[in-house]
């Protein structure tokens, strides 16, 4: 999955924006994808009643937390 051209572009942009190395950005992208897949599964199974805005906010906060965690580990 990480070899897809679109993901390579996202990883390059993440490296630039977050100031992290490629491996940390790959990890963040993978964890984000898995988180989003879980949300999608919950929606499909009708076990999730959040709005698009709430989901968007959860996703943004999760990525921000992953970035901060990676930065702390890099120190």
N, C-alpha and C. Protein backbone atom coordinates (compact mmCIF):
# COMPACT_ATOMS: atom_id res chain seq x y z
N UNK A 1 0.82 -1.20 0.00
CA UNK A 1 0.00 0.00 0.00
C UNK A 1 0.87 1.27 0.00
N UNK A 2 1.97 1.23 0.71
CA UNK A 2 2.81 2.42 0.81
C UNK A 2 3.58 2.70 -0.48
N UNK A 3 3.57 1.75 -1.40
CA UNK A 3 4.28 1.97 -2.66
C UNK A 3 3.40 2.63 -3.72
N UNK A 4 2.11 2.80 -3.45
CA UNK A 4 1.23 3.48 -4.40
C UNK A 4 1.72 4.90 -4.59
N UNK A 5 1.64 5.37 -5.81
CA UNK A 5 2.11 6.72 -6.12
C UNK A 5 1.39 7.78 -5.29
N UNK A 6 0.08 7.62 -5.14
CA UNK A 6 -0.69 8.61 -4.36
C UNK A 6 -0.22 8.64 -2.91
N UNK A 7 0.06 7.49 -2.34
CA UNK A 7 0.54 7.45 -0.96
C UNK A 7 1.95 8.00 -0.84
N UNK A 8 2.77 7.75 -1.83
CA UNK A 8 4.13 8.31 -1.83
C UNK A 8 4.07 9.84 -1.83
N UNK A 9 3.12 10.40 -2.59
CA UNK A 9 2.95 11.86 -2.62
C UNK A 9 2.48 12.37 -1.26
N UNK A 10 1.55 11.63 -0.64
CA UNK A 10 1.07 12.05 0.68
C UNK A 10 2.20 11.97 1.71
N UNK A 11 3.00 10.93 1.66
CA UNK A 11 4.11 10.78 2.60
C UNK A 11 5.12 11.92 2.41
N UNK A 12 5.42 12.26 1.17
CA UNK A 12 6.35 13.37 0.90
C UNK A 12 5.80 14.68 1.45
N UNK A 13 4.50 14.91 1.28
CA UNK A 13 3.89 16.14 1.79
C UNK A 13 3.87 16.14 3.32
N UNK A 14 3.58 15.00 3.92
CA UNK A 14 3.58 14.89 5.37
C UNK A 14 4.96 15.16 5.93
N UNK A 15 5.99 14.62 5.28
CA UNK A 15 7.37 14.85 5.71
C UNK A 15 7.68 16.34 5.71
N UNK A 16 7.24 17.00 4.67
CA UNK A 16 7.46 18.45 4.54
C UNK A 16 6.67 19.23 5.60
N UNK A 17 5.41 18.91 5.77
CA UNK A 17 4.55 19.66 6.69
C UNK A 17 4.88 19.40 8.16
N UNK A 18 5.14 18.14 8.51
CA UNK A 18 5.31 17.78 9.91
C UNK A 18 6.76 17.76 10.37
N UNK A 19 7.70 17.80 9.43
CA UNK A 19 9.11 17.76 9.81
C UNK A 19 9.53 16.43 10.39
N UNK A 20 8.88 15.36 9.94
CA UNK A 20 9.20 14.01 10.41
C UNK A 20 9.87 13.22 9.30
N UNK A 21 10.54 12.13 9.68
CA UNK A 21 11.16 11.30 8.65
C UNK A 21 10.10 10.44 7.94
N UNK A 22 10.52 9.83 6.86
CA UNK A 22 9.60 9.06 6.02
C UNK A 22 8.95 7.91 6.78
N UNK A 23 9.72 7.22 7.61
CA UNK A 23 9.16 6.07 8.33
C UNK A 23 8.06 6.49 9.30
N UNK A 24 8.25 7.58 10.00
CA UNK A 24 7.20 8.08 10.90
C UNK A 24 5.96 8.47 10.11
N UNK A 25 6.15 9.09 8.97
CA UNK A 25 5.00 9.50 8.15
C UNK A 25 4.26 8.30 7.58
N UNK A 26 4.99 7.26 7.20
CA UNK A 26 4.34 6.03 6.74
C UNK A 26 3.50 5.42 7.85
N UNK A 27 4.05 5.42 9.06
CA UNK A 27 3.33 4.88 10.22
C UNK A 27 2.06 5.68 10.49
N UNK A 28 2.16 6.99 10.44
CA UNK A 28 0.99 7.85 10.67
C UNK A 28 -0.07 7.61 9.59
N UNK A 29 0.37 7.51 8.34
CA UNK A 29 -0.58 7.26 7.25
C UNK A 29 -1.27 5.92 7.43
N UNK A 30 -0.52 4.89 7.77
CA UNK A 30 -1.11 3.56 7.96
C UNK A 30 -2.10 3.56 9.12
N UNK A 31 -1.72 4.14 10.23
CA UNK A 31 -2.63 4.19 11.39
C UNK A 31 -3.89 4.99 11.07
N UNK A 32 -3.73 6.07 10.33
CA UNK A 32 -4.88 6.90 9.94
C UNK A 32 -5.82 6.12 9.04
N UNK A 33 -5.25 5.38 8.10
CA UNK A 33 -6.07 4.57 7.19
C UNK A 33 -6.84 3.51 7.97
N UNK A 34 -6.18 2.88 8.92
CA UNK A 34 -6.85 1.85 9.72
C UNK A 34 -7.96 2.46 10.59
N UNK A 35 -7.70 3.62 11.15
CA UNK A 35 -8.71 4.32 11.95
C UNK A 35 -9.93 4.65 11.10
N UNK A 36 -9.67 5.18 9.91
CA UNK A 36 -10.77 5.54 9.00
C UNK A 36 -11.52 4.30 8.52
N UNK A 37 -10.81 3.21 8.27
CA UNK A 37 -11.46 1.96 7.88
C UNK A 37 -12.39 1.47 8.99
N UNK A 38 -11.93 1.59 10.23
CA UNK A 38 -12.77 1.21 11.36
C UNK A 38 -14.03 2.05 11.45
N UNK A 39 -13.89 3.34 11.23
CA UNK A 39 -15.07 4.22 11.25
C UNK A 39 -16.02 3.83 10.12
N UNK A 40 -15.47 3.58 8.93
CA UNK A 40 -16.30 3.18 7.80
C UNK A 40 -17.05 1.88 8.07
N UNK A 41 -16.37 0.95 8.71
CA UNK A 41 -17.01 -0.33 9.06
C UNK A 41 -18.14 -0.11 10.05
N UNK A 42 -17.88 0.73 11.06
CA UNK A 42 -18.94 1.01 12.04
C UNK A 42 -20.14 1.68 11.39
N UNK A 43 -19.90 2.57 10.45
CA UNK A 43 -21.01 3.23 9.74
C UNK A 43 -21.80 2.20 8.95
N UNK A 44 -21.10 1.33 8.23
CA UNK A 44 -21.77 0.31 7.41
C UNK A 44 -22.60 -0.65 8.25
N UNK A 45 -22.15 -0.90 9.46
CA UNK A 45 -22.86 -1.83 10.35
C UNK A 45 -23.93 -1.12 11.19
N UNK A 46 -24.12 0.19 10.93
CA UNK A 46 -25.12 0.98 11.66
C UNK A 46 -24.87 1.05 13.17
N UNK A 47 -23.59 1.05 13.54
CA UNK A 47 -23.23 1.16 14.95
C UNK A 47 -22.55 2.49 15.25
N UNK A 48 -22.77 3.47 14.41
CA UNK A 48 -22.04 4.72 14.51
C UNK A 48 -22.97 5.85 14.12
N UNK A 49 -23.22 6.77 15.03
CA UNK A 49 -24.19 7.82 14.74
C UNK A 49 -23.58 9.22 14.83
N UNK A 50 -22.33 9.35 14.39
CA UNK A 50 -21.68 10.65 14.40
C UNK A 50 -21.91 11.37 13.07
N UNK A 51 -21.87 12.69 13.11
CA UNK A 51 -22.01 13.48 11.88
C UNK A 51 -20.68 13.50 11.13
N UNK A 52 -20.73 13.93 9.87
CA UNK A 52 -19.51 14.05 9.09
C UNK A 52 -18.53 15.00 9.77
N UNK A 53 -19.04 16.07 10.34
CA UNK A 53 -18.19 17.04 11.03
C UNK A 53 -17.51 16.40 12.25
N UNK A 54 -18.24 15.61 13.01
CA UNK A 54 -17.66 14.95 14.18
C UNK A 54 -16.57 13.95 13.76
N UNK A 55 -16.83 13.22 12.69
CA UNK A 55 -15.85 12.27 12.18
C UNK A 55 -14.61 13.00 11.69
N UNK A 56 -14.82 14.10 10.97
CA UNK A 56 -13.71 14.90 10.48
C UNK A 56 -12.86 15.41 11.65
N UNK A 57 -13.51 15.88 12.69
CA UNK A 57 -12.79 16.39 13.86
C UNK A 57 -12.02 15.26 14.56
N UNK A 58 -12.63 14.08 14.67
CA UNK A 58 -11.93 12.94 15.27
C UNK A 58 -10.69 12.59 14.46
N UNK A 59 -10.82 12.60 13.15
CA UNK A 59 -9.70 12.25 12.28
C UNK A 59 -8.58 13.27 12.41
N UNK A 60 -8.94 14.55 12.40
CA UNK A 60 -7.93 15.61 12.54
C UNK A 60 -7.21 15.48 13.87
N UNK A 61 -7.95 15.24 14.95
CA UNK A 61 -7.34 15.13 16.28
C UNK A 61 -6.45 13.91 16.37
N UNK A 62 -6.88 12.82 15.77
CA UNK A 62 -6.08 11.59 15.78
C UNK A 62 -4.76 11.79 15.06
N UNK A 63 -4.80 12.41 13.89
CA UNK A 63 -3.56 12.67 13.14
C UNK A 63 -2.66 13.62 13.93
N UNK A 64 -3.24 14.65 14.51
CA UNK A 64 -2.44 15.60 15.31
C UNK A 64 -1.78 14.87 16.48
N UNK A 65 -2.51 13.97 17.14
CA UNK A 65 -1.94 13.21 18.25
C UNK A 65 -0.82 12.28 17.78
N UNK A 66 -1.01 11.65 16.62
CA UNK A 66 0.03 10.77 16.08
C UNK A 66 1.29 11.56 15.72
N UNK A 67 1.10 12.73 15.15
CA UNK A 67 2.25 13.58 14.79
C UNK A 67 2.99 14.00 16.05
N UNK A 68 2.28 14.45 17.06
CA UNK A 68 2.93 14.88 18.30
C UNK A 68 3.65 13.73 18.97
N UNK A 69 3.06 12.55 18.95
CA UNK A 69 3.71 11.37 19.52
C UNK A 69 5.00 11.04 18.78
N UNK A 70 4.94 11.11 17.46
CA UNK A 70 6.15 10.83 16.66
C UNK A 70 7.23 11.85 16.94
N UNK A 71 6.85 13.11 17.10
CA UNK A 71 7.83 14.14 17.40
C UNK A 71 8.47 13.92 18.77
N UNK A 72 7.69 13.51 19.75
CA UNK A 72 8.23 13.25 21.08
C UNK A 72 9.21 12.06 21.05
N UNK A 73 8.88 11.04 20.27
CA UNK A 73 9.76 9.86 20.18
C UNK A 73 11.05 10.20 19.45
N UNK A 74 11.02 11.21 18.59
CA UNK A 74 12.20 11.56 17.78
C UNK A 74 13.20 12.41 18.55
N UNK A 75 12.79 12.91 19.69
CA UNK A 75 13.69 13.80 20.46
C UNK A 75 14.78 13.00 21.13
